Amino acid sequence: MGVELTKGRPLAEIQASMTGVAEGVATTAAVWDQAKLLNLEMPITEKIYRILYQGAAVCDVIPEILGTSCRHELAGRRWKLFSGRGRHRH
């Protein structure tokens, strides 16, 4: 999948020519949907989603992924996801 995406082939075309399943393609869409619903920042998922589902060029997005600033994995996370438990679990 990745090699074909770097050649500029669209997802639907690649999938139509495959005999197996490309791991992570459907998962990317599901995670992206959940992140949007929960208002979570997931910059790498968002960029991969753009490649797979919005036709973004791999050559344009990879530098963006590599340039994503590093920060703690829980930075920006909405802790009220766990509000039913009274305390935040780590």
PDB file of N, CA and C in Angstrom:
ATOM      1  N   MET A   1       0.823  -1.181   0.000  1.00  0.00           N
ATOM      2  CA  MET A   1       0.000   0.000   0.000  1.00  0.00           C
ATOM      3  C   MET A   1       0.868   1.245   0.000  1.00  0.00           C
ATOM      4  N   GLY A   2       1.809   1.304   0.923  1.00  0.00           N
ATOM      5  CA  GLY A   2       2.653   2.492   1.044  1.00  0.00           C
ATOM      6  C   GLY A   2       3.435   2.802  -0.213  1.00  0.00           C
ATOM      7  N   VAL A   3       4.008   1.782  -0.819  1.00  0.00           N
ATOM      8  CA  VAL A   3       4.783   1.991  -2.046  1.00  0.00           C
ATOM      9  C   VAL A   3       3.888   2.547  -3.143  1.00  0.00           C
ATOM     10  N   GLU A   4       2.713   1.996  -3.281  1.00  0.00           N
ATOM     11  CA  GLU A   4       1.794   2.452  -4.325  1.00  0.00           C
ATOM     12  C   GLU A   4       1.298   3.866  -4.057  1.00  0.00           C
ATOM     13  N   LEU A   5       1.092   4.213  -2.798  1.00  0.00           N
ATOM     14  CA  LEU A   5       0.695   5.583  -2.461  1.00  0.00           C
ATOM     15  C   LEU A   5       1.790   6.574  -2.843  1.00  0.00           C
ATOM     16  N   THR A   6       3.061   6.187  -2.646  1.00  0.00           N
ATOM     17  CA  THR A   6       4.162   7.090  -3.008  1.00  0.00           C
ATOM     18  C   THR A   6       4.250   7.287  -4.514  1.00  0.00           C
ATOM     19  N   LYS A   7       3.679   6.387  -5.280  1.00  0.00           N
ATOM     20  CA  LYS A   7       3.647   6.533  -6.744  1.00  0.00           C
ATOM     21  C   LYS A   7       2.507   7.445  -7.191  1.00  0.00           C
ATOM     22  N   GLY A   8       1.681   7.885  -6.237  1.00  0.00           N
ATOM     23  CA  GLY A   8       0.594   8.791  -6.554  1.00  0.00           C
ATOM     24  C   GLY A   8      -0.721   8.107  -6.902  1.00  0.00           C
ATOM     25  N   ARG A   9      -0.783   6.790  -6.717  1.00  0.00           N
ATOM     26  CA  ARG A   9      -2.027   6.071  -7.012  1.00  0.00           C
ATOM     27  C   ARG A   9      -3.044   6.332  -5.915  1.00  0.00           C
ATOM     28  N   PRO A  10      -4.308   6.548  -6.273  1.00  0.00           N
ATOM     29  CA  PRO A  10      -5.344   6.757  -5.254  1.00  0.00           C
ATOM     30  C   PRO A  10      -5.689   5.459  -4.517  1.00  0.00           C
ATOM     31  N   LEU A  11      -6.159   5.614  -3.304  1.00  0.00           N
ATOM     32  CA  LEU A  11      -6.490   4.480  -2.443  1.00  0.00           C
ATOM     33  C   LEU A  11      -7.433   3.494  -3.121  1.00  0.00           C
ATOM     34  N   ALA A  12      -8.513   3.983  -3.697  1.00  0.00           N
ATOM     35  CA  ALA A  12      -9.506   3.089  -4.312  1.00  0.00           C
ATOM     36  C   ALA A  12      -8.888   2.242  -5.419  1.00  0.00           C
ATOM     37  N   GLU A  13      -8.021   2.839  -6.198  1.00  0.00           N
ATOM     38  CA  GLU A  13      -7.360   2.111  -7.285  1.00  0.00           C
ATOM     39  C   GLU A  13      -6.439   1.030  -6.729  1.00  0.00           C
ATOM     40  N   ILE A  14      -5.692   1.367  -5.703  1.00  0.00           N
ATOM     41  CA  ILE A  14      -4.774   0.395  -5.091  1.00  0.00           C
ATOM     42  C   ILE A  14      -5.575  -0.763  -4.493  1.00  0.00           C
ATOM     43  N   GLN A  15      -6.622  -0.445  -3.748  1.00  0.00           N
ATOM     44  CA  GLN A  15      -7.429  -1.489  -3.123  1.00  0.00           C
ATOM     45  C   GLN A  15      -8.077  -2.399  -4.161  1.00  0.00           C
ATOM     46  N   ALA A  16      -8.492  -1.835  -5.278  1.00  0.00           N
ATOM     47  CA  ALA A  16      -9.124  -2.637  -6.331  1.00  0.00           C
ATOM     48  C   ALA A  16      -8.150  -3.641  -6.940  1.00  0.00           C
ATOM     49  N   SER A  17      -6.866  -3.324  -6.894  1.00  0.00           N
ATOM     50  CA  SER A  17      -5.876  -4.217  -7.490  1.00  0.00           C
ATOM     51  C   SER A  17      -5.281  -5.205  -6.488  1.00  0.00           C
ATOM     52  N   MET A  18      -5.667  -5.104  -5.219  1.00  0.00           N
ATOM     53  CA  MET A  18      -5.105  -5.976  -4.181  1.00  0.00           C
ATOM     54  C   MET A  18      -5.939  -7.232  -4.006  1.00  0.00           C
ATOM     55  N   THR A  19      -5.260  -8.299  -3.607  1.00  0.00           N
ATOM     56  CA  THR A  19      -5.969  -9.536  -3.280  1.00  0.00           C
ATOM     57  C   THR A  19      -6.146  -9.685  -1.776  1.00  0.00           C
ATOM     58  N   GLY A  20      -5.387  -8.920  -0.990  1.00  0.00           N
ATOM     59  CA  GLY A  20      -5.471  -8.997   0.466  1.00  0.00           C
ATOM     60  C   GLY A  20      -5.978  -7.690   1.044  1.00  0.00           C
ATOM     61  N   VAL A  21      -5.814  -7.558   2.334  1.00  0.00           N
ATOM     62  CA  VAL A  21      -6.252  -6.367   3.059  1.00  0.00           C
ATOM     63  C   VAL A  21      -5.018  -5.599   3.527  1.00  0.00           C
ATOM     64  N   ALA A  22      -5.015  -4.304   3.313  1.00  0.00           N
ATOM     65  CA  ALA A  22      -3.917  -3.463   3.808  1.00  0.00           C
ATOM     66  C   ALA A  22      -4.221  -3.093   5.256  1.00  0.00           C
ATOM     67  N   GLU A  23      -3.399  -3.575   6.140  1.00  0.00           N
ATOM     68  CA  GLU A  23      -3.608  -3.311   7.562  1.00  0.00           C
ATOM     69  C   GLU A  23      -3.541  -1.816   7.842  1.00  0.00           C
ATOM     70  N   GLY A  24      -4.452  -1.326   8.623  1.00  0.00           N
ATOM     71  CA  GLY A  24      -4.419   0.049   9.079  1.00  0.00           C
ATOM     72  C   GLY A  24      -5.249   1.031   8.279  1.00  0.00           C
ATOM     73  N   VAL A  25      -5.687   0.664   7.079  1.00  0.00           N
ATOM     74  CA  VAL A  25      -6.448   1.603   6.255  1.00  0.00           C
ATOM     75  C   VAL A  25      -7.804   1.886   6.896  1.00  0.00           C
ATOM     76  N   ALA A  26      -8.560   0.863   7.191  1.00  0.00           N
ATOM     77  CA  ALA A  26      -9.875   1.061   7.835  1.00  0.00           C
ATOM     78  C   ALA A  26      -9.705   1.601   9.251  1.00  0.00           C
ATOM     79  N   THR A  27      -8.661   1.163   9.940  1.00  0.00           N
ATOM     80  CA  THR A  27      -8.414   1.623  11.301  1.00  0.00           C
ATOM     81  C   THR A  27      -8.133   3.122  11.326  1.00  0.00           C
ATOM     82  N   THR A  28      -7.407   3.609  10.332  1.00  0.00           N
ATOM     83  CA  THR A  28      -7.119   5.038  10.263  1.00  0.00           C
ATOM     84  C   THR A  28      -8.409   5.844  10.206  1.00  0.00           C
ATOM     85  N   ALA A  29      -9.353   5.413   9.396  1.00  0.00           N
ATOM     86  CA  ALA A  29     -10.638   6.120   9.287  1.00  0.00           C
ATOM     87  C   ALA A  29     -11.397   6.066  10.609  1.00  0.00           C
ATOM     88  N   ALA A  30     -11.410   4.907  11.260  1.00  0.00           N
ATOM     89  CA  ALA A  30     -12.138   4.762  12.524  1.00  0.00           C
ATOM     90  C   ALA A  30     -11.518   5.627  13.618  1.00  0.00           C
ATOM     91  N   VAL A  31     -10.208   5.631  13.703  1.00  0.00           N
ATOM     92  CA  VAL A  31      -9.526   6.432  14.728  1.00  0.00           C
ATOM     93  C   VAL A  31      -9.728   7.923  14.442  1.00  0.00           C
ATOM     94  N   TRP A  32      -9.640   8.314  13.190  1.00  0.00           N
ATOM     95  CA  TRP A  32      -9.848   9.712  12.813  1.00  0.00           C
ATOM     96  C   TRP A  32     -11.251  10.161  13.198  1.00  0.00           C
ATOM     97  N   ASP A  33     -12.257   9.321  12.905  1.00  0.00           N
ATOM     98  CA  ASP A  33     -13.641   9.648  13.272  1.00  0.00           C
ATOM     99  C   ASP A  33     -13.795   9.828  14.779  1.00  0.00           C
ATOM    100  N   GLN A  34     -13.225   8.920  15.552  1.00  0.00           N
ATOM    101  CA  GLN A  34     -13.331   9.001  17.009  1.00  0.00           C
ATOM    102  C   GLN A  34     -12.605  10.224  17.553  1.00  0.00           C
ATOM    103  N   ALA A  35     -11.445  10.524  17.002  1.00  0.00           N
ATOM    104  CA  ALA A  35     -10.688  11.704  17.442  1.00  0.00           C
ATOM    105  C   ALA A  35     -11.497  12.974  17.210  1.00  0.00           C
ATOM    106  N   LYS A  36     -12.178  13.045  16.079  1.00  0.00           N
ATOM    107  CA  LYS A  36     -13.013  14.215  15.784  1.00  0.00           C
ATOM    108  C   LYS A  36     -14.179  14.296  16.769  1.00  0.00           C
ATOM    109  N   LEU A  37     -14.835  13.171  17.033  1.00  0.00           N
ATOM    110  CA  LEU A  37     -15.961  13.154  17.971  1.00  0.00           C
ATOM    111  C   LEU A  37     -15.545  13.585  19.366  1.00  0.00           C
ATOM    112  N   LEU A  38     -14.352  13.172  19.783  1.00  0.00           N
ATOM    113  CA  LEU A  38     -13.880  13.448  21.134  1.00  0.00           C
ATOM    114  C   LEU A  38     -13.007  14.699  21.215  1.00  0.00           C
ATOM    115  N   ASN A  39     -12.840  15.368  20.072  1.00  0.00           N
ATOM    116  CA  ASN A  39     -12.019  16.578  20.002  1.00  0.00           C
ATOM    117  C   ASN A  39     -10.592  16.328  20.487  1.00  0.00           C
ATOM    118  N   LEU A  40     -10.009  15.224  20.054  1.00  0.00           N
ATOM    119  CA  LEU A  40      -8.636  14.884  20.409  1.00  0.00           C
ATOM    120  C   LEU A  40      -7.690  15.269  19.290  1.00  0.00           C
ATOM    121  N   GLU A  41      -6.521  15.737  19.647  1.00  0.00           N
ATOM    122  CA  GLU A  41      -5.493  16.036  18.661  1.00  0.00           C
ATOM    123  C   GLU A  41      -4.732  14.756  18.360  1.00  0.00           C
ATOM    124  N   MET A  42      -4.709  14.371  17.111  1.00  0.00           N
ATOM    125  CA  MET A  42      -3.947  13.199  16.683  1.00  0.00           C
ATOM    126  C   MET A  42      -3.269  13.560  15.363  1.00  0.00           C
ATOM    127  N   PRO A  43      -2.186  14.355  15.422  1.00  0.00           N
ATOM    128  CA  PRO A  43      -1.600  14.912  14.215  1.00  0.00           C
ATOM    129  C   PRO A  43      -1.121  13.871  13.201  1.00  0.00           C
ATOM    130  N   ILE A  44      -0.547  12.785  13.645  1.00  0.00           N
ATOM    131  CA  ILE A  44      -0.064  11.780  12.696  1.00  0.00           C
ATOM    132  C   ILE A  44      -1.243  11.074  12.044  1.00  0.00           C
ATOM    133  N   THR A  45      -2.233  10.704  12.828  1.00  0.00           N
ATOM    134  CA  THR A  45      -3.442  10.073  12.267  1.00  0.00           C
ATOM    135  C   THR A  45      -4.103  11.007  11.263  1.00  0.00           C
ATOM    136  N   GLU A  46      -4.189  12.292  11.597  1.00  0.00           N
ATOM    137  CA  GLU A  46      -4.807  13.260  10.695  1.00  0.00           C
ATOM    138  C   GLU A  46      -4.061  13.335   9.366  1.00  0.00           C
ATOM    139  N   LYS A  47      -2.749  13.273   9.423  1.00  0.00           N
ATOM    140  CA  LYS A  47      -1.954  13.360   8.193  1.00  0.00           C
ATOM    141  C   LYS A  47      -2.082  12.087   7.352  1.00  0.00           C
ATOM    142  N   ILE A  48      -2.085  10.942   8.005  1.00  0.00           N
ATOM    143  CA  ILE A  48      -2.267   9.689   7.272  1.00  0.00           C
ATOM    144  C   ILE A  48      -3.664   9.645   6.663  1.00  0.00           C
ATOM    145  N   TYR A  49      -4.657  10.135   7.387  1.00  0.00           N
ATOM    146  CA  TYR A  49      -6.018  10.211   6.869  1.00  0.00           C
ATOM    147  C   TYR A  49      -6.053  11.070   5.609  1.00  0.00           C
ATOM    148  N   ARG A  50      -5.341  12.196   5.648  1.00  0.00           N
ATOM    149  CA  ARG A  50      -5.298  13.073   4.467  1.00  0.00           C
ATOM    150  C   ARG A  50      -4.733  12.346   3.258  1.00  0.00           C
ATOM    151  N   ILE A  51      -3.708  11.532   3.465  1.00  0.00           N
ATOM    152  CA  ILE A  51      -3.119  10.765   2.356  1.00  0.00           C
ATOM    153  C   ILE A  51      -4.119   9.741   1.836  1.00  0.00           C
ATOM    154  N   LEU A  52      -4.689   8.964   2.750  1.00  0.00           N
ATOM    155  CA  LEU A  52      -5.561   7.864   2.349  1.00  0.00           C
ATOM    156  C   LEU A  52      -6.894   8.321   1.792  1.00  0.00           C
ATOM    157  N   TYR A  53      -7.519   9.292   2.428  1.00  0.00           N
ATOM    158  CA  TYR A  53      -8.913   9.608   2.116  1.00  0.00           C
ATOM    159  C   TYR A  53      -9.158  10.978   1.494  1.00  0.00           C
ATOM    160  N   GLN A  54      -8.147  11.844   1.518  1.00  0.00           N
ATOM    161  CA  GLN A  54      -8.361  13.182   0.961  1.00  0.00           C
ATOM    162  C   GLN A  54      -7.433  13.476  -0.214  1.00  0.00           C
ATOM    163  N   GLY A  55      -6.690  12.470  -0.639  1.00  0.00           N
ATOM    164  CA  GLY A  55      -5.858  12.612  -1.827  1.00  0.00           C
ATOM    165  C   GLY A  55      -4.596  13.433  -1.661  1.00  0.00           C
ATOM    166  N   ALA A  56      -4.170  13.662  -0.430  1.00  0.00           N
ATOM    167  CA  ALA A  56      -2.927  14.414  -0.217  1.00  0.00           C
ATOM    168  C   ALA A  56      -1.743  13.598  -0.718  1.00  0.00           C
ATOM    169  N   ALA A  57      -0.764  14.272  -1.269  1.00  0.00           N
ATOM    170  CA  ALA A  57       0.426  13.601  -1.784  1.00  0.00           C
ATOM    171  C   ALA A  57       1.347  13.202  -0.635  1.00  0.00           C
ATOM    172  N   VAL A  58       1.825  11.973  -0.677  1.00  0.00           N
ATOM    173  CA  VAL A  58       2.734  11.470   0.349  1.00  0.00           C
ATOM    174  C   VAL A  58       3.937  12.395   0.478  1.00  0.00           C
ATOM    175  N   CYS A  59       4.483  12.835  -0.652  1.00  0.00           N
ATOM    176  CA  CYS A  59       5.672  13.707  -0.655  1.00  0.00           C
ATOM    177  C   CYS A  59       5.435  15.011   0.096  1.00  0.00           C
ATOM    178  N   ASP A  60       4.193  15.482   0.113  1.00  0.00           N
ATOM    179  CA  ASP A  60       3.872  16.719   0.820  1.00  0.00           C
ATOM    180  C   ASP A  60       3.631  16.483   2.304  1.00  0.00           C
ATOM    181  N   VAL A  61       3.064  15.337   2.638  1.00  0.00           N
ATOM    182  CA  VAL A  61       2.648  15.082   4.016  1.00  0.00           C
ATOM    183  C   VAL A  61       3.779  14.538   4.891  1.00  0.00           C
ATOM    184  N   ILE A  62       4.646  13.725   4.328  1.00  0.00           N
ATOM    185  CA  ILE A  62       5.731  13.133   5.140  1.00  0.00           C
ATOM    186  C   ILE A  62       6.582  14.207   5.814  1.00  0.00           C
ATOM    187  N   PRO A  63       7.004  15.262   5.120  1.00  0.00           N
ATOM    188  CA  PRO A  63       7.750  16.312   5.842  1.00  0.00           C
ATOM    189  C   PRO A  63       6.940  16.937   6.979  1.00  0.00           C
ATOM    190  N   GLU A  64       5.623  17.023   6.800  1.00  0.00           N
ATOM    191  CA  GLU A  64       4.772  17.543   7.879  1.00  0.00           C
ATOM    192  C   GLU A  64       4.797  16.600   9.077  1.00  0.00           C
ATOM    193  N   ILE A  65       4.754  15.290   8.811  1.00  0.00           N
ATOM    194  CA  ILE A  65       4.799  14.311   9.903  1.00  0.00           C
ATOM    195  C   ILE A  65       6.137  14.411  10.626  1.00  0.00           C
ATOM    196  N   LEU A  66       7.206  14.476   9.868  1.00  0.00           N
ATOM    197  CA  LEU A  66       8.535  14.551  10.483  1.00  0.00           C
ATOM    198  C   LEU A  66       8.749  15.865  11.213  1.00  0.00           C
ATOM    199  N   GLY A  67       8.026  16.905  10.815  1.00  0.00           N
ATOM    200  CA  GLY A  67       8.156  18.198  11.453  1.00  0.00           C
ATOM    201  C   GLY A  67       7.197  18.417  12.606  1.00  0.00           C
ATOM    202  N   THR A  68       6.346  17.420  12.892  1.00  0.00           N
ATOM    203  CA  THR A  68       5.401  17.540  13.996  1.00  0.00           C
ATOM    204  C   THR A  68       6.172  17.713  15.296  1.00  0.00           C
ATOM    205  N   SER A  69       5.838  18.743  16.040  1.00  0.00           N
ATOM    206  CA  SER A  69       6.579  19.014  17.265  1.00  0.00           C
ATOM    207  C   SER A  69       6.317  17.936  18.308  1.00  0.00           C
ATOM    208  N   CYS A  70       7.340  17.625  19.040  1.00  0.00           N
ATOM    209  CA  CYS A  70       7.235  16.598  20.087  1.00  0.00           C
ATOM    210  C   CYS A  70       6.704  17.234  21.361  1.00  0.00           C
ATOM    211  N   ARG A  71       5.839  16.502  22.027  1.00  0.00           N
ATOM    212  CA  ARG A  71       5.345  16.921  23.331  1.00  0.00           C
ATOM    213  C   ARG A  71       4.819  15.686  24.037  1.00  0.00           C
ATOM    214  N   HIS A  72       4.474  15.843  25.274  1.00  0.00           N
ATOM    215  CA  HIS A  72       4.005  14.716  26.057  1.00  0.00           C
ATOM    216  C   HIS A  72       2.780  14.102  25.387  1.00  0.00           C
ATOM    217  N   GLU A  73       2.672  12.792  25.423  1.00  0.00           N
ATOM    218  CA  GLU A  73       1.587  12.094  24.724  1.00  0.00           C
ATOM    219  C   GLU A  73       0.194  12.476  25.220  1.00  0.00           C
ATOM    220  N   LEU A  74       0.085  13.000  26.415  1.00  0.00           N
ATOM    221  CA  LEU A  74      -1.223  13.365  26.952  1.00  0.00           C
ATOM    222  C   LEU A  74      -1.502  14.861  26.830  1.00  0.00           C
ATOM    223  N   ALA A  75      -0.581  15.609  26.230  1.00  0.00           N
ATOM    224  CA  ALA A  75      -0.790  17.046  26.056  1.00  0.00           C
ATOM    225  C   ALA A  75      -2.015  17.276  25.183  1.00  0.00           C
ATOM    226  N   GLY A  76      -2.895  18.136  25.626  1.00  0.00           N
ATOM    227  CA  GLY A  76      -4.082  18.471  24.850  1.00  0.00           C
ATOM    228  C   GLY A  76      -5.221  17.475  24.985  1.00  0.00           C
ATOM    229  N   ARG A  77      -5.009  16.410  25.696  1.00  0.00           N
ATOM    230  CA  ARG A  77      -6.043  15.380  25.844  1.00  0.00           C
ATOM    231  C   ARG A  77      -7.151  15.886  26.748  1.00  0.00           C
ATOM    232  N   ARG A  78      -8.346  15.567  26.408  1.00  0.00           N
ATOM    233  CA  ARG A  78      -9.503  15.990  27.194  1.00  0.00           C
ATOM    234  C   ARG A  78      -9.779  14.946  28.268  1.00  0.00           C
ATOM    235  N   TRP A  79      -9.390  15.257  29.491  1.00  0.00           N
ATOM    236  CA  TRP A  79      -9.524  14.283  30.574  1.00  0.00           C
ATOM    237  C   TRP A  79     -10.961  14.056  31.001  1.00  0.00           C
ATOM    238  N   LYS A  80     -11.884  14.867  30.574  1.00  0.00           N
ATOM    239  CA  LYS A  80     -13.258  14.625  30.982  1.00  0.00           C
ATOM    240  C   LYS A  80     -13.803  13.342  30.358  1.00  0.00           C
ATOM    241  N   LEU A  81     -13.026  12.699  29.497  1.00  0.00           N
ATOM    242  CA  LEU A  81     -13.409  11.390  28.978  1.00  0.00           C
ATOM    243  C   LEU A  81     -13.605  10.402  30.124  1.00  0.00           C
ATOM    244  N   PHE A  82     -12.892  10.658  31.221  1.00  0.00           N
ATOM    245  CA  PHE A  82     -12.930   9.750  32.361  1.00  0.00           C
ATOM    246  C   PHE A  82     -13.739  10.322  33.517  1.00  0.00           C
ATOM    247  N   SER A  83     -14.547  11.320  33.266  1.00  0.00           N
ATOM    248  CA  SER A  83     -15.238  12.036  34.343  1.00  0.00           C
ATOM    249  C   SER A  83     -16.171  11.145  35.159  1.00  0.00           C
ATOM    250  N   GLY A  84     -16.637  10.051  34.622  1.00  0.00           N
ATOM    251  CA  GLY A  84     -17.525   9.158  35.350  1.00  0.00           C
ATOM    252  C   GLY A  84     -16.831   8.419  36.474  1.00  0.00           C
ATOM    253  N   ARG A  85     -15.522   8.451  36.489  1.00  0.00           N
ATOM    254  CA  ARG A  85     -14.763   7.731  37.505  1.00  0.00           C
ATOM    255  C   ARG A  85     -14.278   8.633  38.640  1.00  0.00           C
ATOM    256  N   GLY A  86     -14.491   9.947  38.489  1.00  0.00           N
ATOM    257  CA  GLY A  86     -14.117  10.858  39.578  1.00  0.00           C
ATOM    258  C   GLY A  86     -12.666  11.287  39.572  1.00  0.00           C
ATOM    259  N   ARG A  87     -11.741  10.408  39.217  1.00  0.00           N
ATOM    260  CA  ARG A  87     -10.328  10.748  39.182  1.00  0.00           C
ATOM    261  C   ARG A  87      -9.774  10.367  37.817  1.00  0.00           C
ATOM    262  N   HIS A  88      -8.713  11.033  37.451  1.00  0.00           N
ATOM    263  CA  HIS A  88      -8.056  10.725  36.180  1.00  0.00           C
ATOM    264  C   HIS A  88      -7.182   9.499  36.349  1.00  0.00           C
ATOM    265  N   ARG A  89      -7.281   8.601  35.416  1.00  0.00           N
ATOM    266  CA  ARG A  89      -6.433   7.408  35.467  1.00  0.00           C
ATOM    267  C   ARG A  89      -5.279   7.584  34.508  1.00  0.00           C
ATOM    268  N   HIS A  90      -4.106   7.182  34.917  1.00  0.00           N
ATOM    269  CA  HIS A  90      -2.904   7.334  34.086  1.00  0.00           C
ATOM    270  C   HIS A  90      -2.388   5.990  33.668  1.00  0.00           C
TER     271      HIS A  90
END
